[in-house]
Structure formats: structure tokens, C-alpha cells
Amino acid sequence: MAQLPAAEAADAAFEEFFEAERGRLFGALYLMTGSIQDAEEIVQDAFLAVWEHWDRVRGMERSIGYLYRTAMNRFRSRRRHLACVTRRGLPFLSSEDPYEAVDLRDEVVRAIRGLTPHQRAALVLTELLDRSSDEAADLLGVRPSTVRNLAAQARASLKRVMEHEDE
């Protein structure tokens, strides 16, 4: 019977963690994927993975970093899978209505989607989520100088696109 309060405390701690990070993680993934459905699926997968290892994760110094790293791994895995399917020439179905997608996207999202996935990831982590280049590098598995370079390239590209659309 002594286990029940500990289990309830673990559940409560996870719920608090989930509520605190869900919106930010979804926003970052939406900017990276450009798709509400893809972002939601990756968020769910990442939180499920964290929940499965919650006893270990909640004691980590950087549990949020673990969550984001898990989400980034899911994102990269999905992107690799789609690239593989495309190379094989197999058709894949999209549940996204193209007309609805057009309505959902605004000028900024279109500009961000024009970035490379690495630039987008670096920009989202450093600008949107206020991660340092060291933290972003740890999450992306690259050097901090690479993150700074990618983010600078992304900002320059966004500036060019946004200025061009204003003309």
C-alpha cells in the first residue's frame, strides 16, 4: 500500500511536466514540420517515450532536454522514412487537406518552411525556445558553432524572403 502514494506522486509529476512542456514542444515541432498532424503525432510519441522511462527521466538534471532530444529523434526518423519512401517511388497518402493547409499557413510559416530542416531546427531551438547554442547542439547532435551558423543562415534567408514578399 506504501507504493500507491509514490505512484501517485510520479503520475502527478509527469502530468505537471507534460502540461508545462506540451505547448512549447508542439509549437517547435509545428514550425519544423509545417503540419499540425505531424507535430501532434511527434509530441505524443515523445511524451509516450518519456512516460515509459519516467522513473529514470524525472531524476535527470536535464529532463526537458531529454524530451526535446526524443522529439528531435522522432522527427528525424520520420523524415528519413519519408525520404526512403520517396526514393523508392512508392506513393504515400497524406491525410492533410491541401486547401485547409493553405488556410492555416501564414507568411511567416511559409518562409520558415523554405529553410532546410537543420536551419529550421537550429532557429526554433535558439530563437523560439531560447536554448543556448550549446544546448541546441546537444539536442541536435552537432557542434555549437554549427548551430550558430545554421541559425544565422536561417535568419538571413528569412529576412530575404520576408523583404521580397513585402515588395
Protein backbone atom coordinates (compact mmCIF):
# COMPACT_ATOMS: atom_id res chain seq x y z
CA MET A 1 0.00 0.00 0.00
CA ALA A 2 3.01 2.31 0.51
CA GLN A 3 3.68 2.14 -3.24
CA LEU A 4 0.42 3.87 -4.14
CA PRO A 5 1.37 7.34 -2.88
CA ALA A 6 4.75 7.11 -4.65
CA ALA A 7 2.99 6.08 -7.88
CA GLU A 8 0.50 8.92 -7.49
CA ALA A 9 3.36 11.36 -6.91
CA ALA A 10 5.13 10.09 -10.04
CA ASP A 11 1.92 10.45 -12.05
CA ALA A 12 1.38 13.97 -10.73
CA ALA A 13 4.98 14.93 -11.52
CA PHE A 14 4.62 13.64 -15.08
CA GLU A 15 1.32 15.47 -15.55
CA GLU A 16 2.94 18.69 -14.36
CA PHE A 17 5.90 18.12 -16.71
CA PHE A 18 3.52 17.35 -19.58
CA GLU A 19 1.41 20.47 -19.03
CA ALA A 20 4.49 22.69 -18.70
CA GLU A 21 6.19 21.48 -21.90
CA ARG A 22 3.42 20.29 -24.24
CA GLY A 23 2.60 23.65 -25.83
CA ARG A 24 6.19 24.71 -26.39
CA LEU A 25 7.16 21.34 -27.84
CA PHE A 26 4.14 21.34 -30.15
CA GLY A 27 4.94 24.88 -31.33
CA ALA A 28 8.52 23.97 -32.10
CA LEU A 29 7.54 20.83 -33.96
CA TYR A 30 4.81 22.61 -35.90
CA LEU A 31 7.36 25.13 -37.15
CA MET A 32 9.70 22.31 -38.09
CA THR A 33 7.15 20.05 -39.78
CA GLY A 34 4.67 22.61 -41.11
CA SER A 35 1.90 20.16 -40.25
CA ILE A 36 -0.40 20.16 -37.25
CA GLN A 37 -0.98 16.41 -37.55
CA ASP A 38 2.72 15.54 -37.83
CA ALA A 39 3.59 17.82 -34.91
CA GLU A 40 0.85 16.29 -32.74
CA GLU A 41 1.98 12.75 -33.55
CA ILE A 42 5.62 13.50 -32.75
CA VAL A 43 4.64 15.24 -29.49
CA GLN A 44 2.57 12.22 -28.48
CA ASP A 45 5.36 9.79 -29.40
CA ALA A 46 7.94 11.81 -27.49
CA PHE A 47 5.84 12.10 -24.34
CA LEU A 48 4.99 8.40 -24.51
CA ALA A 49 8.70 7.56 -24.66
CA VAL A 50 9.37 9.86 -21.70
CA TRP A 51 6.47 8.34 -19.75
CA GLU A 52 7.81 4.83 -20.37
CA HIS A 53 11.11 5.85 -18.73
CA TRP A 54 9.69 8.40 -16.29
CA ASP A 55 11.28 6.84 -13.20
CA ARG A 56 14.70 7.50 -14.75
CA VAL A 57 13.88 10.71 -16.65
CA ARG A 58 12.34 12.64 -13.76
CA GLY A 59 15.59 12.36 -11.84
CA MET A 60 17.65 13.75 -14.71
CA GLU A 61 19.17 17.18 -14.42
CA ARG A 62 18.02 17.95 -17.98
CA SER A 63 14.71 16.11 -18.32
CA ILE A 64 13.41 18.77 -20.69
CA GLY A 65 16.46 18.26 -22.87
CA TYR A 66 15.72 14.52 -22.89
CA LEU A 67 12.16 15.26 -24.05
CA TYR A 68 13.33 17.55 -26.86
CA ARG A 69 16.08 15.15 -27.91
CA THR A 70 13.48 12.35 -28.06
CA ALA A 71 11.18 14.54 -30.16
CA MET A 72 14.04 15.51 -32.49
CA ASN A 73 14.94 11.84 -32.94
CA ARG A 74 11.31 11.07 -33.80
CA PHE A 75 11.27 13.99 -36.27
CA ARG A 76 14.50 12.85 -37.96
CA SER A 77 13.29 9.26 -38.09
CA ARG A 78 10.03 10.31 -39.73
CA ARG A 79 11.90 12.50 -42.24
CA ARG A 80 14.29 9.64 -43.11
CA HIS A 81 11.35 7.29 -43.58
CA LEU A 82 9.61 9.72 -45.93
CA ALA A 83 12.81 10.25 -47.89
CA CYS A 84 13.23 6.48 -48.23
CA VAL A 85 9.64 6.06 -49.42
CA THR A 86 10.11 8.88 -51.91
CA ARG A 87 13.34 7.39 -53.27
CA ARG A 88 11.60 4.08 -53.84
CA GLY A 89 8.83 5.84 -55.71
CA LEU A 90 6.12 4.45 -53.50
CA PRO A 91 3.10 6.68 -53.17
CA PHE A 92 2.18 7.72 -49.68
CA LEU A 93 -1.09 9.24 -48.66
CA SER A 94 -1.41 12.48 -46.78
CA SER A 95 -4.39 12.98 -44.52
CA GLU A 96 -3.87 16.72 -44.74
CA ASP A 97 -6.39 18.60 -46.86
CA PRO A 98 -4.29 20.89 -49.09
CA TYR A 99 -6.91 23.65 -49.08
CA GLU A 100 -7.16 23.60 -45.30
CA ALA A 101 -3.37 23.63 -45.04
CA VAL A 102 -3.20 26.77 -47.18
CA ASP A 103 -5.68 28.48 -44.85
CA LEU A 104 -3.61 27.57 -41.79
CA ARG A 105 -0.29 28.85 -43.05
CA ASP A 106 0.63 32.49 -42.95
CA GLU A 107 3.56 34.39 -44.45
CA VAL A 108 5.97 33.53 -41.65
CA VAL A 109 5.28 29.80 -41.67
CA ARG A 110 5.78 29.68 -45.45
CA ALA A 111 9.08 31.45 -45.07
CA ILE A 112 10.21 29.08 -42.32
CA ARG A 113 9.26 26.06 -44.40
CA GLY A 114 11.66 27.30 -47.06
CA LEU A 115 14.56 26.67 -44.71
CA THR A 116 16.47 23.42 -44.62
CA PRO A 117 15.44 21.09 -41.80
CA HIS A 118 18.73 21.72 -39.99
CA GLN A 119 18.32 25.51 -40.28
CA ARG A 120 14.74 25.26 -39.08
CA ALA A 121 15.71 23.12 -36.10
CA ALA A 122 18.55 25.46 -35.11
CA LEU A 123 16.32 28.53 -35.44
CA VAL A 124 13.43 27.01 -33.46
CA LEU A 125 15.68 25.84 -30.65
CA THR A 126 17.70 29.04 -30.32
CA GLU A 127 15.07 31.68 -31.09
CA LEU A 128 11.69 30.21 -30.19
CA LEU A 129 12.73 28.02 -27.28
CA ASP A 130 15.56 30.28 -26.05
CA ARG A 131 18.08 27.44 -25.89
CA SER A 132 21.76 28.31 -25.94
CA SER A 133 23.82 27.12 -28.87
CA ASP A 134 25.42 24.56 -26.53
CA GLU A 135 22.02 23.17 -25.50
CA ALA A 136 20.76 23.16 -29.09
CA ALA A 137 23.95 21.46 -30.25
CA ASP A 138 23.46 18.77 -27.61
CA LEU A 139 19.87 18.20 -28.77
CA LEU A 140 20.78 18.12 -32.47
CA GLY A 141 23.98 16.12 -32.08
CA VAL A 142 26.21 18.78 -33.68
CA ARG A 143 28.79 21.35 -32.54
CA PRO A 144 27.65 24.69 -31.04
CA SER A 145 29.38 26.56 -33.88
CA THR A 146 27.28 24.58 -36.36
CA VAL A 147 24.10 25.61 -34.54
CA ARG A 148 25.15 29.28 -34.59
CA ASN A 149 25.99 29.05 -38.30
CA LEU A 150 22.69 27.32 -39.17
CA ALA A 151 20.67 29.84 -37.15
CA ALA A 152 22.45 32.77 -38.82
CA GLN A 153 21.81 31.27 -42.27
CA ALA A 154 18.15 30.76 -41.35
CA ARG A 155 17.73 34.35 -40.14
CA ALA A 156 19.37 35.72 -43.31
CA SER A 157 17.15 33.55 -45.50
CA LEU A 158 14.01 34.60 -43.62
CA LYS A 159 14.98 38.24 -43.94
CA ARG A 160 15.42 37.89 -47.72
CA VAL A 161 12.11 36.06 -48.16
CA MET A 162 10.15 38.43 -45.93
CA GLU A 163 11.59 41.51 -47.65
CA HIS A 164 10.83 40.01 -51.08
CA GLU A 165 7.19 39.31 -50.10
CA ASP A 166 6.78 42.88 -48.83
CA GLU A 167 7.67 44.27 -52.29
